[in-house]
Structures are given as C-alpha cells and as structure tokens.
C-alpha cells in the first residue's frame, strides 16, 4: 500500500536512531491495618478520618497529576522508536489511523537530532531523581527510560546487518515490525493503566526500574 499523504514527510524523516516495584502488594488495606493496632480509646471518628487522609496523601499515592505525568512518559520510547514502524505504518491503514493524531508531536520530537537525549536527561534527573515526585511517578518514568535504552540493541543490529533484499531483508522487516508493535503495546498498556491509577509492570523493564527507584 502506498504511503498516505500525512505520513510521507514523517516516514522520510525516520532516519537511523543515534546510539543513545516492588510496591505495597498486601491484600490487607494498610490504613485498616494501622487502625487495628490502635487502642480502642483512640479510635474516635475524627481521629480515624485524619489517619485515612494522611495515608491517601503518602508518597505512593496516585492522584490525577501523578497519573497524567506517568501516562505521558510512555510516549517517549514510542516516539524515539517510531522508525521501526516504517514498514507497518505504510502497509496497514488501521495502524496509520492510530498514528495520525500523533504525527505533529512526532515531527517536533524528530525535528532535532538530540531531542531524545535531552528528554532522557530531563526525565532521569528532573523526575526520577527528584524525591518531590511520588514513587508512582518515578517508577513509571524509569520504566519508560529503561524501555528506551533497550532500543539500542535493535539499532546496533540494524546498523551491523543492513540487507538490501532477499531473506535478510525479510528478517529485518520482521524485527523492526516486532519492535514497533512491542513499543505500541507498551504505550497503550502503560498509559491506560496510569490514567486509571493502576501500576503497569512492563515485561523485561519493570524489575530494572524497581532497582533504580528508591
């Protein structure tokens, strides 16, 4: 299928990519656990209310701003690896329909060669290493960063093995398409889970993110 009009300028700009929780899983409600160990004489209604509020505002809370920031972080690896979808995007219209609303943002992201590196530094030092952000935000941001770092491996493979035709080209197209669909699934799953206040744990990268977030 021919490349659609809105994707041609973007597809032509997809050059090679430069070499660039454990949370509380108890089934018992923590606030209820706290209340159960209090003496009965301290369990007055106004005291119970204040304890619940204090717990909801803890460092692991996921309020609306936290959810939005976390959801947006998953666009970073997807934008950075969008070039791996060059075969899929030009051949399947449903994928084009999904990508179309993101084209302006992708063009801005790809407009400067070092944008990806600058975003990496910003997310890591301004968000992940900033204790003012909740652990929820820092964990999801670190997951997005680790996912982006993993893109180095298909990039190295593509640079070292760049067939023009035949079986080698078919294998490279399959690899690129697999990487693209993996990034797309991570974007949809990660962002939607964050918007609902859930904790997405991406395969491969979740454990690495846990180790980096204190």
N, C-alpha and C. Protein backbone atom coordinates (compact mmCIF):
# COMPACT_ATOMS: atom_id res chain seq x y z
N UNK A 1 0.86 -1.20 0.00
CA UNK A 1 0.00 0.00 0.00
C UNK A 1 0.88 1.24 0.00
N UNK A 2 0.51 2.21 -0.76
CA UNK A 2 1.33 3.43 -0.83
C UNK A 2 1.23 4.20 0.45
N UNK A 3 2.28 4.93 0.74
CA UNK A 3 2.32 5.75 1.96
C UNK A 3 1.31 6.85 1.86
N UNK A 4 0.49 7.07 2.90
CA UNK A 4 -0.50 8.14 2.87
C UNK A 4 0.16 9.48 2.97
N UNK A 5 -0.59 10.52 2.57
CA UNK A 5 -0.03 11.87 2.47
C UNK A 5 0.49 12.37 3.80
N UNK A 6 -0.24 12.10 4.89
CA UNK A 6 0.17 12.69 6.17
C UNK A 6 1.37 11.99 6.75
N UNK A 7 1.68 10.76 6.29
CA UNK A 7 2.79 10.04 6.87
C UNK A 7 4.07 10.14 6.07
N UNK A 8 3.99 10.52 4.79
CA UNK A 8 5.18 10.55 3.96
C UNK A 8 6.27 11.45 4.50
N UNK A 9 5.93 12.71 4.92
CA UNK A 9 7.00 13.57 5.46
C UNK A 9 7.62 12.98 6.72
N UNK A 10 6.77 12.28 7.52
CA UNK A 10 7.29 11.73 8.77
C UNK A 10 8.13 10.51 8.49
N UNK A 11 7.61 9.61 7.61
CA UNK A 11 8.33 8.38 7.32
C UNK A 11 9.68 8.66 6.71
N UNK A 12 9.76 9.71 5.86
CA UNK A 12 11.03 10.04 5.23
C UNK A 12 12.04 10.58 6.21
N UNK A 13 11.54 11.11 7.35
CA UNK A 13 12.44 11.68 8.35
C UNK A 13 12.88 10.68 9.39
N UNK A 14 12.38 9.41 9.30
CA UNK A 14 12.74 8.40 10.27
C UNK A 14 14.09 7.82 9.90
N UNK A 15 15.13 8.51 10.23
CA UNK A 15 16.48 8.04 9.98
C UNK A 15 16.88 7.08 11.06
N UNK A 16 18.07 6.53 10.96
CA UNK A 16 18.54 5.59 11.98
C UNK A 16 18.62 6.27 13.33
N UNK A 17 18.28 5.55 14.33
CA UNK A 17 18.29 6.07 15.71
C UNK A 17 19.70 6.21 16.20
N UNK A 18 20.14 7.37 16.69
CA UNK A 18 21.52 7.51 17.17
C UNK A 18 21.75 6.66 18.40
N UNK A 19 23.07 6.15 18.51
CA UNK A 19 23.38 5.38 19.71
C UNK A 19 23.20 6.27 20.93
N UNK A 20 22.28 6.03 21.38
CA UNK A 20 21.92 6.82 22.54
C UNK A 20 22.04 6.03 23.88
N UNK A 21 7.85 -3.17 41.22
CA UNK A 21 8.11 -2.32 42.40
C UNK A 21 7.49 -3.09 43.45
N UNK A 22 9.04 -2.76 43.70
CA UNK A 22 8.04 -3.56 44.38
C UNK A 22 7.23 -2.65 45.28
N UNK A 23 5.92 -2.53 44.96
CA UNK A 23 5.05 -1.64 45.74
C UNK A 23 4.37 -2.47 46.84
N UNK A 24 3.52 -1.79 47.52
CA UNK A 24 2.79 -2.47 48.59
C UNK A 24 1.76 -3.39 47.97
N UNK A 25 1.97 -4.71 48.05
CA UNK A 25 1.05 -5.66 47.43
C UNK A 25 0.23 -6.40 48.47
N UNK A 26 0.20 -5.93 49.65
CA UNK A 26 -0.55 -6.63 50.68
C UNK A 26 -2.02 -6.63 50.33
N UNK A 27 -2.71 -7.73 50.57
CA UNK A 27 -4.13 -7.80 50.32
C UNK A 27 -4.92 -7.09 51.41
N UNK A 28 -4.25 -6.74 52.48
CA UNK A 28 -4.92 -6.02 53.57
C UNK A 28 -4.75 -4.54 53.36
N UNK A 29 -5.83 -3.81 53.53
CA UNK A 29 -5.76 -2.36 53.40
C UNK A 29 -4.82 -1.79 54.45
N UNK A 30 -3.72 -1.07 54.01
CA UNK A 30 -2.75 -0.58 55.00
C UNK A 30 -3.35 0.33 56.05
N UNK A 31 -4.33 1.15 55.63
CA UNK A 31 -4.93 2.06 56.61
C UNK A 31 -5.74 1.29 57.65
N UNK A 32 -6.41 0.18 57.21
CA UNK A 32 -7.15 -0.63 58.17
C UNK A 32 -6.20 -1.35 59.11
N UNK A 33 -5.06 -1.80 58.56
CA UNK A 33 -4.07 -2.45 59.40
C UNK A 33 -3.57 -1.51 60.48
N UNK A 34 -3.39 -0.24 60.11
CA UNK A 34 -2.93 0.76 61.08
C UNK A 34 -3.98 0.96 62.17
N UNK A 35 -5.25 0.96 61.75
CA UNK A 35 -6.30 1.24 62.72
C UNK A 35 -6.47 0.08 63.70
N UNK A 36 -6.23 -1.14 63.21
CA UNK A 36 -6.47 -2.30 64.07
C UNK A 36 -5.51 -2.37 65.25
N UNK A 37 -4.35 -1.75 65.12
CA UNK A 37 -3.39 -1.84 66.21
C UNK A 37 -3.51 -0.66 67.18
N UNK A 38 -4.43 0.23 66.91
CA UNK A 38 -4.64 1.36 67.81
C UNK A 38 -5.49 0.94 69.00
N UNK A 39 -5.23 1.47 70.16
CA UNK A 39 -6.12 1.23 71.31
C UNK A 39 -7.52 1.73 70.99
N UNK A 40 -8.53 1.06 71.54
CA UNK A 40 -9.90 1.43 71.25
C UNK A 40 -10.23 2.85 71.67
N UNK A 41 -9.59 3.32 72.73
CA UNK A 41 -9.92 4.65 73.21
C UNK A 41 -9.45 5.74 72.25
N UNK A 42 -8.52 5.37 71.31
CA UNK A 42 -8.05 6.35 70.34
C UNK A 42 -8.84 6.33 69.05
N UNK A 43 -9.74 5.37 68.93
CA UNK A 43 -10.46 5.22 67.67
C UNK A 43 -11.71 6.07 67.64
N UNK A 44 -11.55 7.35 67.74
CA UNK A 44 -12.66 8.28 67.65
C UNK A 44 -12.86 8.64 66.18
N UNK A 45 -14.08 8.99 65.79
CA UNK A 45 -14.37 9.23 64.37
C UNK A 45 -13.45 10.25 63.73
N UNK A 46 -13.18 11.38 64.40
CA UNK A 46 -12.36 12.41 63.77
C UNK A 46 -10.92 11.96 63.65
N UNK A 47 -10.46 11.10 64.57
CA UNK A 47 -9.09 10.59 64.50
C UNK A 47 -8.94 9.58 63.37
N UNK A 48 -9.96 8.72 63.20
CA UNK A 48 -9.91 7.75 62.11
C UNK A 48 -9.89 8.46 60.77
N UNK A 49 -10.67 9.52 60.63
CA UNK A 49 -10.74 10.26 59.37
C UNK A 49 -9.39 10.87 59.04
N UNK A 50 -8.71 11.42 60.04
CA UNK A 50 -7.43 12.07 59.79
C UNK A 50 -6.37 11.05 59.39
N UNK A 51 -6.43 9.83 59.96
CA UNK A 51 -5.47 8.80 59.61
C UNK A 51 -5.64 8.35 58.17
N UNK A 52 -6.87 8.20 57.72
CA UNK A 52 -7.14 7.79 56.34
C UNK A 52 -6.66 8.84 55.37
N UNK A 53 -6.90 10.10 55.66
CA UNK A 53 -6.46 11.18 54.78
C UNK A 53 -4.94 11.23 54.70
N UNK A 54 -4.28 11.05 55.85
CA UNK A 54 -2.82 11.07 55.85
C UNK A 54 -2.27 9.94 55.00
N UNK A 55 -2.92 8.78 55.04
CA UNK A 55 -2.44 7.65 54.25
C UNK A 55 -2.65 7.92 52.77
N UNK A 56 -3.76 8.51 52.38
CA UNK A 56 -4.05 8.73 50.97
C UNK A 56 -3.12 9.74 50.34
N UNK A 57 -2.49 10.57 51.15
CA UNK A 57 -1.57 11.57 50.61
C UNK A 57 -0.11 11.14 50.75
N UNK A 58 0.14 9.86 50.94
CA UNK A 58 1.51 9.37 51.11
C UNK A 58 2.30 9.43 49.83
N UNK A 59 3.59 9.02 49.92
CA UNK A 59 4.49 9.13 48.78
C UNK A 59 4.13 8.19 47.65
N UNK A 60 3.32 7.17 47.88
CA UNK A 60 2.94 6.22 46.85
C UNK A 60 1.55 6.50 46.29
N UNK A 61 1.00 7.65 46.57
CA UNK A 61 -0.33 7.97 46.09
C UNK A 61 -0.29 8.19 44.59
N UNK A 62 -1.46 8.07 43.95
CA UNK A 62 -1.56 8.27 42.50
C UNK A 62 -2.74 9.19 42.23
N UNK A 63 -2.55 10.47 42.52
CA UNK A 63 -3.61 11.43 42.25
C UNK A 63 -3.61 11.76 40.76
N UNK A 64 -4.49 12.65 40.34
CA UNK A 64 -4.66 12.95 38.91
C UNK A 64 -3.39 13.47 38.26
N UNK A 65 -2.68 14.47 38.85
CA UNK A 65 -1.42 14.92 38.22
C UNK A 65 -0.40 13.80 38.08
N UNK A 66 -0.29 12.94 39.10
CA UNK A 66 0.64 11.82 39.02
C UNK A 66 0.29 10.89 37.87
N UNK A 67 -0.99 10.64 37.71
CA UNK A 67 -1.44 9.74 36.63
C UNK A 67 -1.12 10.33 35.25
N UNK A 68 -1.37 11.63 35.09
CA UNK A 68 -1.12 12.27 33.80
C UNK A 68 0.37 12.28 33.46
N UNK A 69 1.20 12.66 34.42
CA UNK A 69 2.65 12.69 34.18
C UNK A 69 3.16 11.31 33.82
N UNK A 70 2.71 10.30 34.57
CA UNK A 70 3.16 8.93 34.31
C UNK A 70 2.71 8.45 32.94
N UNK A 71 1.48 8.77 32.57
CA UNK A 71 0.97 8.32 31.27
C UNK A 71 1.75 8.97 30.12
N UNK A 72 2.08 10.24 30.26
CA UNK A 72 2.81 10.93 29.19
C UNK A 72 4.22 10.39 29.00
N UNK A 73 4.82 9.88 30.06
CA UNK A 73 6.20 9.38 29.95
C UNK A 73 6.33 8.24 28.95
N UNK A 74 5.27 7.45 28.78
CA UNK A 74 5.36 6.29 27.89
C UNK A 74 5.36 6.68 26.41
N UNK A 75 5.08 7.94 26.12
CA UNK A 75 5.19 8.39 24.73
C UNK A 75 6.66 8.56 24.33
N UNK A 76 7.54 8.75 25.30
CA UNK A 76 8.95 8.99 24.99
C UNK A 76 9.60 7.83 24.23
N UNK A 77 9.57 6.58 24.75
CA UNK A 77 10.19 5.50 23.98
C UNK A 77 9.47 5.22 22.67
N UNK A 78 8.16 5.44 22.64
CA UNK A 78 7.42 5.20 21.40
C UNK A 78 7.84 6.18 20.31
N UNK A 79 7.93 7.46 20.66
CA UNK A 79 8.39 8.46 19.69
C UNK A 79 9.83 8.19 19.26
N UNK A 80 10.66 7.77 20.21
CA UNK A 80 12.07 7.56 19.92
C UNK A 80 12.27 6.34 19.01
N UNK A 81 11.35 5.39 19.05
CA UNK A 81 11.49 4.19 18.22
C UNK A 81 10.47 4.10 17.11
N UNK A 82 9.86 5.22 16.76
CA UNK A 82 8.80 5.19 15.75
C UNK A 82 9.32 4.72 14.40
N UNK A 83 10.62 4.89 14.11
CA UNK A 83 11.17 4.49 12.81
C UNK A 83 11.08 2.99 12.58
N UNK A 84 10.95 2.21 13.65
CA UNK A 84 10.82 0.77 13.48
C UNK A 84 9.46 0.38 12.91
N UNK A 85 8.56 1.31 12.83
CA UNK A 85 7.25 1.03 12.25
C UNK A 85 7.13 1.45 10.80
N UNK A 86 8.25 1.75 10.15
CA UNK A 86 8.18 2.28 8.78
C UNK A 86 7.55 1.29 7.80
N UNK A 87 7.72 0.00 8.03
CA UNK A 87 7.11 -0.99 7.14
C UNK A 87 5.63 -1.18 7.47
N UNK A 88 5.32 -1.24 8.76
CA UNK A 88 3.94 -1.49 9.18
C UNK A 88 3.05 -0.30 8.87
N UNK A 89 3.53 0.89 9.17
CA UNK A 89 2.71 2.09 9.00
C UNK A 89 2.32 2.31 7.54
N UNK A 90 3.23 2.03 6.62
CA UNK A 90 2.94 2.27 5.20
C UNK A 90 2.08 1.18 4.57
N UNK A 91 1.88 0.05 5.26
CA UNK A 91 1.14 -1.07 4.66
C UNK A 91 -0.22 -1.32 5.28
N UNK A 92 -0.44 -0.84 6.49
CA UNK A 92 -1.70 -1.14 7.19
C UNK A 92 -2.39 0.15 7.59
N UNK A 93 -3.57 0.37 7.03
CA UNK A 93 -4.30 1.61 7.31
C UNK A 93 -4.72 1.73 8.77
N UNK A 94 -5.17 0.66 9.45
CA UNK A 94 -5.55 0.82 10.86
C UNK A 94 -4.41 1.37 11.71
N UNK A 95 -3.19 0.95 11.42
CA UNK A 95 -2.05 1.48 12.18
C UNK A 95 -1.85 2.95 11.85
N UNK A 96 -2.04 3.31 10.56
CA UNK A 96 -1.95 4.72 10.18
C UNK A 96 -2.96 5.56 10.94
N UNK A 97 -4.17 5.03 11.11
CA UNK A 97 -5.22 5.77 11.82
C UNK A 97 -4.85 5.99 13.28
N UNK A 98 -4.14 5.01 13.88
CA UNK A 98 -3.72 5.17 15.27
C UNK A 98 -2.63 6.22 15.39
N UNK A 99 -1.70 6.22 14.42
CA UNK A 99 -0.54 7.10 14.48
C UNK A 99 -0.87 8.52 14.06
N UNK A 100 -1.87 8.69 13.22
CA UNK A 100 -2.16 10.01 12.64
C UNK A 100 -2.29 11.14 13.67
N UNK A 101 -3.03 10.97 14.77
CA UNK A 101 -3.11 12.09 15.74
C UNK A 101 -1.77 12.44 16.38
N UNK A 102 -0.82 11.52 16.35
CA UNK A 102 0.47 11.75 17.00
C UNK A 102 1.51 12.34 16.04
N UNK A 103 1.17 12.44 14.76
CA UNK A 103 2.15 12.90 13.77
C UNK A 103 2.76 14.27 14.10
N UNK A 104 1.97 15.30 14.48
CA UNK A 104 2.60 16.60 14.82
C UNK A 104 3.60 16.49 15.96
N UNK A 105 3.27 15.74 17.01
CA UNK A 105 4.19 15.58 18.13
C UNK A 105 5.43 14.80 17.70
N UNK A 106 5.26 13.80 16.84
CA UNK A 106 6.40 13.02 16.36
C UNK A 106 7.34 13.90 15.55
N UNK A 107 6.78 14.77 14.71
CA UNK A 107 7.60 15.66 13.90
C UNK A 107 8.42 16.60 14.77
N UNK A 108 7.80 17.12 15.83
CA UNK A 108 8.53 18.01 16.74
C UNK A 108 9.64 17.23 17.43
N UNK A 109 9.34 16.02 17.89
CA UNK A 109 10.33 15.21 18.59
C UNK A 109 11.51 14.87 17.68
N UNK A 110 11.23 14.61 16.40
CA UNK A 110 12.28 14.23 15.46
C UNK A 110 12.93 15.42 14.77
N UNK A 111 12.49 16.63 15.08
CA UNK A 111 13.00 17.81 14.38
C UNK A 111 14.45 18.14 14.73
N UNK A 112 14.92 17.69 15.88
CA UNK A 112 16.28 17.97 16.32
C UNK A 112 16.94 16.67 16.73
N UNK A 113 18.13 16.35 16.23
CA UNK A 113 18.75 15.04 16.47
C UNK A 113 18.95 14.70 17.94
N UNK A 114 19.13 15.71 18.79
CA UNK A 114 19.44 15.43 20.20
C UNK A 114 18.22 15.56 21.11
N UNK A 115 17.03 15.67 20.53
CA UNK A 115 15.83 15.78 21.36
C UNK A 115 15.65 14.57 22.26
N UNK A 116 15.90 13.39 21.71
CA UNK A 116 15.75 12.17 22.51
C UNK A 116 16.67 12.15 23.71
N UNK A 117 17.92 12.56 23.50
CA UNK A 117 18.88 12.59 24.60
C UNK A 117 18.51 13.64 25.63
N UNK A 118 18.03 14.79 25.18
CA UNK A 118 17.64 15.85 26.11
C UNK A 118 16.43 15.42 26.95
N UNK A 119 15.49 14.73 26.31
CA UNK A 119 14.33 14.23 27.06
C UNK A 119 14.77 13.19 28.08
N UNK A 120 15.71 12.34 27.69
CA UNK A 120 16.24 11.34 28.61
C UNK A 120 16.83 12.00 29.86
N UNK A 121 17.68 13.00 29.65
CA UNK A 121 18.29 13.69 30.79
C UNK A 121 17.24 14.36 31.66
N UNK A 122 16.26 14.98 31.04
CA UNK A 122 15.21 15.68 31.79
C UNK A 122 14.41 14.70 32.64
N UNK A 123 13.99 13.59 32.05
CA UNK A 123 13.18 12.62 32.79
C UNK A 123 13.97 11.99 33.93
N UNK A 124 15.24 11.69 33.67
CA UNK A 124 16.02 10.99 34.70
C UNK A 124 16.38 11.90 35.86
N UNK A 125 16.92 13.08 35.56
CA UNK A 125 17.42 13.94 36.64
C UNK A 125 16.34 14.84 37.25
N UNK A 126 15.35 15.21 36.47
CA UNK A 126 14.31 16.11 36.98
C UNK A 126 13.16 15.34 37.63
N UNK A 127 12.90 14.12 37.15
CA UNK A 127 11.76 13.35 37.67
C UNK A 127 12.23 12.18 38.53
N UNK A 128 12.98 11.25 37.94
CA UNK A 128 13.34 10.02 38.66
C UNK A 128 14.16 10.31 39.91
N UNK A 129 15.10 11.23 39.82
CA UNK A 129 15.97 11.54 40.96
C UNK A 129 15.42 12.66 41.83
N UNK A 130 14.20 13.03 41.63
CA UNK A 130 13.60 14.12 42.41
C UNK A 130 12.62 13.53 43.43
N UNK A 131 12.95 13.56 44.72
CA UNK A 131 12.06 12.97 45.74
C UNK A 131 10.75 13.74 45.91
N UNK A 132 10.65 14.91 45.29
CA UNK A 132 9.39 15.65 45.38
C UNK A 132 8.28 14.97 44.59
N UNK A 133 8.66 14.15 43.63
CA UNK A 133 7.67 13.37 42.90
C UNK A 133 7.38 12.08 43.67
N UNK A 134 6.16 11.59 43.56
CA UNK A 134 5.81 10.34 44.22
C UNK A 134 6.54 9.17 43.59
N UNK A 135 6.64 8.10 44.33
CA UNK A 135 7.30 6.91 43.79
C UNK A 135 6.54 6.38 42.58
N UNK A 136 5.25 6.56 42.56
CA UNK A 136 4.44 6.12 41.43
C UNK A 136 4.92 6.78 40.14
N UNK A 137 5.13 8.10 40.18
CA UNK A 137 5.60 8.83 39.00
C UNK A 137 7.02 8.41 38.65
N UNK A 138 7.88 8.31 39.65
CA UNK A 138 9.29 7.99 39.38
C UNK A 138 9.45 6.56 38.83
N UNK A 139 8.63 5.64 39.32
CA UNK A 139 8.71 4.26 38.81
C UNK A 139 8.28 4.20 37.35
N UNK A 140 7.16 4.81 37.01
CA UNK A 140 6.69 4.78 35.63
C UNK A 140 7.64 5.52 34.69
N UNK A 141 8.20 6.62 35.16
CA UNK A 141 9.18 7.34 34.34
C UNK A 141 10.41 6.49 34.09
N UNK A 142 10.86 5.79 35.13
CA UNK A 142 12.04 4.94 34.97
C UNK A 142 11.75 3.77 34.04
N UNK A 143 10.55 3.23 34.07
CA UNK A 143 10.18 2.17 33.13
C UNK A 143 10.29 2.67 31.70
N UNK A 144 9.80 3.87 31.43
CA UNK A 144 9.87 4.43 30.09
C UNK A 144 11.33 4.64 29.66
N UNK A 145 12.17 5.08 30.59
CA UNK A 145 13.58 5.30 30.27
C UNK A 145 14.28 3.98 29.95
N UNK A 146 14.06 2.96 30.77
CA UNK A 146 14.69 1.67 30.53
C UNK A 146 14.23 1.09 29.19
N UNK A 147 12.96 1.25 28.89
CA UNK A 147 12.43 0.77 27.61
C UNK A 147 13.12 1.47 26.44
N UNK A 148 13.37 2.75 26.58
CA UNK A 148 14.06 3.49 25.52
C UNK A 148 15.51 3.05 25.39
N UNK A 149 16.18 2.79 26.52
CA UNK A 149 17.57 2.34 26.46
C UNK A 149 17.69 1.01 25.74
N UNK A 150 16.69 0.13 25.88
CA UNK A 150 16.73 -1.17 25.21
C UNK A 150 16.69 -1.04 23.69
N UNK A 151 16.25 0.10 23.19
CA UNK A 151 16.20 0.29 21.73
C UNK A 151 17.60 0.34 21.12
N UNK A 152 18.62 0.46 21.95
CA UNK A 152 19.99 0.45 21.44
C UNK A 152 20.29 -0.88 20.73
N UNK A 153 19.74 -1.99 21.25
CA UNK A 153 20.09 -3.30 20.72
C UNK A 153 19.55 -3.53 19.30
N UNK A 154 18.27 -3.29 19.02
CA UNK A 154 17.85 -3.42 17.61
C UNK A 154 18.52 -2.41 16.70
N UNK A 155 18.87 -1.25 17.24
CA UNK A 155 19.56 -0.25 16.42
C UNK A 155 20.95 -0.74 16.02
N UNK A 156 21.69 -1.32 16.97
CA UNK A 156 23.01 -1.86 16.66
C UNK A 156 22.92 -3.00 15.65
N UNK A 157 21.91 -3.85 15.82
CA UNK A 157 21.73 -4.96 14.90
C UNK A 157 21.42 -4.46 13.49
N UNK A 158 20.61 -3.43 13.41
CA UNK A 158 20.22 -2.89 12.12
C UNK A 158 21.40 -2.21 11.43
N UNK A 159 22.26 -1.57 12.22
CA UNK A 159 23.43 -0.91 11.65
C UNK A 159 24.47 -1.93 11.17
N UNK A 160 24.61 -3.02 11.92
CA UNK A 160 25.60 -4.00 11.53
C UNK A 160 25.13 -4.98 10.47
N UNK A 161 23.81 -5.12 10.36
CA UNK A 161 23.24 -6.07 9.40
C UNK A 161 22.17 -5.34 8.62
N UNK A 162 22.54 -4.81 7.47
CA UNK A 162 21.63 -3.95 6.71
C UNK A 162 21.43 -4.51 5.30
N UNK A 163 20.65 -5.59 5.18
CA UNK A 163 20.45 -6.24 3.88
C UNK A 163 19.59 -5.38 2.96
N UNK A 164 19.78 -5.57 1.67
CA UNK A 164 19.03 -4.81 0.68
C UNK A 164 17.85 -5.59 0.10
N UNK A 165 17.95 -6.91 0.11
CA UNK A 165 16.89 -7.72 -0.46
C UNK A 165 17.00 -9.15 0.07
N UNK A 166 16.09 -9.99 -0.40
CA UNK A 166 16.14 -11.40 -0.05
C UNK A 166 15.68 -11.70 1.36
N UNK A 167 16.13 -12.86 1.85
CA UNK A 167 15.73 -13.32 3.18
C UNK A 167 16.19 -12.37 4.27
N UNK A 168 17.39 -11.82 4.10
CA UNK A 168 17.90 -10.89 5.11
C UNK A 168 16.98 -9.69 5.28
N UNK A 169 16.47 -9.15 4.19
CA UNK A 169 15.55 -8.00 4.28
C UNK A 169 14.25 -8.40 4.95
N UNK A 170 13.76 -9.60 4.64
CA UNK A 170 12.52 -10.08 5.28
C UNK A 170 12.70 -10.20 6.79
N UNK A 171 13.85 -10.72 7.21
CA UNK A 171 14.12 -10.85 8.65
C UNK A 171 14.22 -9.49 9.32
N UNK A 172 14.86 -8.53 8.63
CA UNK A 172 14.98 -7.19 9.21
C UNK A 172 13.62 -6.51 9.32
N UNK A 173 12.77 -6.70 8.30
CA UNK A 173 11.43 -6.13 8.35
C UNK A 173 10.63 -6.74 9.51
N UNK A 174 10.80 -8.05 9.72
CA UNK A 174 10.09 -8.70 10.83
C UNK A 174 10.58 -8.19 12.18
N UNK A 175 11.89 -8.01 12.31
CA UNK A 175 12.45 -7.48 13.56
C UNK A 175 11.95 -6.07 13.83
N UNK A 176 12.00 -5.20 12.83
CA UNK A 176 11.54 -3.83 13.01
C UNK A 176 10.07 -3.78 13.39
N UNK A 177 9.26 -4.60 12.72
CA UNK A 177 7.82 -4.61 12.99
C UNK A 177 7.53 -5.13 14.39
N UNK A 178 8.31 -6.13 14.84
CA UNK A 178 8.13 -6.66 16.18
C UNK A 178 8.46 -5.61 17.24
N UNK A 179 9.57 -4.90 17.04
CA UNK A 179 9.95 -3.84 17.97
C UNK A 179 8.88 -2.76 18.02
N UNK A 180 8.36 -2.38 16.85
CA UNK A 180 7.33 -1.34 16.79
C UNK A 180 6.07 -1.76 17.54
N UNK A 181 5.59 -2.97 17.29
CA UNK A 181 4.38 -3.43 17.97
C UNK A 181 4.59 -3.55 19.48
N UNK A 182 5.78 -3.95 19.88
CA UNK A 182 6.08 -4.01 21.32
C UNK A 182 6.01 -2.62 21.95
N UNK A 183 6.58 -1.63 21.26
CA UNK A 183 6.52 -0.25 21.77
C UNK A 183 5.08 0.25 21.81
N UNK A 184 4.30 -0.10 20.80
CA UNK A 184 2.91 0.35 20.74
C UNK A 184 2.10 -0.27 21.88
N UNK A 185 2.31 -1.56 22.13
CA UNK A 185 1.59 -2.23 23.23
C UNK A 185 2.00 -1.63 24.57
N UNK A 186 3.29 -1.36 24.74
CA UNK A 186 3.76 -0.75 25.99
C UNK A 186 3.15 0.63 26.18
N UNK A 187 3.03 1.39 25.09
CA UNK A 187 2.42 2.72 25.17
C UNK A 187 0.96 2.63 25.60
N UNK A 188 0.21 1.77 24.95
CA UNK A 188 -1.22 1.66 25.24
C UNK A 188 -1.45 1.11 26.65
N UNK A 189 -0.73 0.04 26.98
CA UNK A 189 -0.90 -0.57 28.31
C UNK A 189 -0.41 0.35 29.42
N UNK A 190 0.79 0.93 29.24
CA UNK A 190 1.35 1.78 30.28
C UNK A 190 0.53 3.03 30.51
N UNK A 191 0.18 3.72 29.45
CA UNK A 191 -0.57 4.98 29.58
C UNK A 191 -1.98 4.75 30.13
N UNK A 192 -2.67 3.74 29.59
CA UNK A 192 -4.04 3.49 30.06
C UNK A 192 -4.06 3.05 31.53
N UNK A 193 -3.08 2.24 31.93
CA UNK A 193 -3.02 1.81 33.32
C UNK A 193 -2.78 3.00 34.25
N UNK A 194 -1.89 3.90 33.83
CA UNK A 194 -1.60 5.09 34.66
C UNK A 194 -2.82 5.99 34.77
N UNK A 195 -3.54 6.16 33.68
CA UNK A 195 -4.73 7.02 33.72
C UNK A 195 -5.79 6.45 34.66
N UNK A 196 -5.80 5.14 34.84
CA UNK A 196 -6.75 4.51 35.76
C UNK A 196 -6.18 4.37 37.17
N UNK A 197 -4.95 4.87 37.38
CA UNK A 197 -4.36 4.81 38.70
C UNK A 197 -3.76 3.48 39.05
N UNK A 198 -3.60 2.59 38.08
CA UNK A 198 -3.01 1.28 38.33
C UNK A 198 -1.51 1.33 38.10
N UNK A 199 -0.81 0.27 38.49
CA UNK A 199 0.64 0.20 38.35
C UNK A 199 0.99 -0.75 37.21
N UNK A 200 1.35 -0.22 36.04
CA UNK A 200 1.74 -1.11 34.94
C UNK A 200 3.15 -1.66 35.17
N UNK A 201 3.30 -2.94 34.97
CA UNK A 201 4.63 -3.56 35.07
C UNK A 201 4.96 -4.17 33.71
N UNK A 202 5.82 -3.50 32.98
CA UNK A 202 6.16 -3.93 31.64
C UNK A 202 7.14 -5.10 31.69
N UNK A 203 6.99 -6.06 30.78
CA UNK A 203 7.96 -7.16 30.76
C UNK A 203 9.36 -6.66 30.47
N UNK A 204 10.32 -7.29 31.06
CA UNK A 204 11.75 -7.01 30.88
C UNK A 204 12.22 -5.80 31.69
N UNK A 205 11.46 -4.71 31.67
CA UNK A 205 11.95 -3.45 32.23
C UNK A 205 11.48 -3.15 33.65
N UNK A 206 10.43 -3.80 34.13
CA UNK A 206 9.85 -3.45 35.43
C UNK A 206 10.84 -3.68 36.57
N UNK A 207 11.51 -4.83 36.57
CA UNK A 207 12.45 -5.12 37.65
C UNK A 207 13.64 -4.15 37.65
N UNK A 208 14.11 -3.81 36.45
CA UNK A 208 15.21 -2.85 36.36
C UNK A 208 14.78 -1.49 36.88
N UNK A 209 13.56 -1.07 36.58
CA UNK A 209 13.05 0.20 37.07
C UNK A 209 12.93 0.20 38.59
N UNK A 210 12.49 -0.93 39.14
CA UNK A 210 12.37 -1.05 40.60
C UNK A 210 13.71 -0.83 41.29
N UNK A 211 14.76 -1.38 40.72
CA UNK A 211 16.07 -1.26 41.35
C UNK A 211 16.62 0.17 41.31
N UNK A 212 16.16 0.95 40.37
CA UNK A 212 16.66 2.31 40.22
C UNK A 212 15.87 3.33 41.04
N UNK A 213 14.66 2.98 41.44
CA UNK A 213 13.80 3.91 42.17
C UNK A 213 13.80 3.53 43.64
N UNK A 214 14.30 4.42 44.48
CA UNK A 214 14.39 4.14 45.92
C UNK A 214 13.08 4.47 46.61
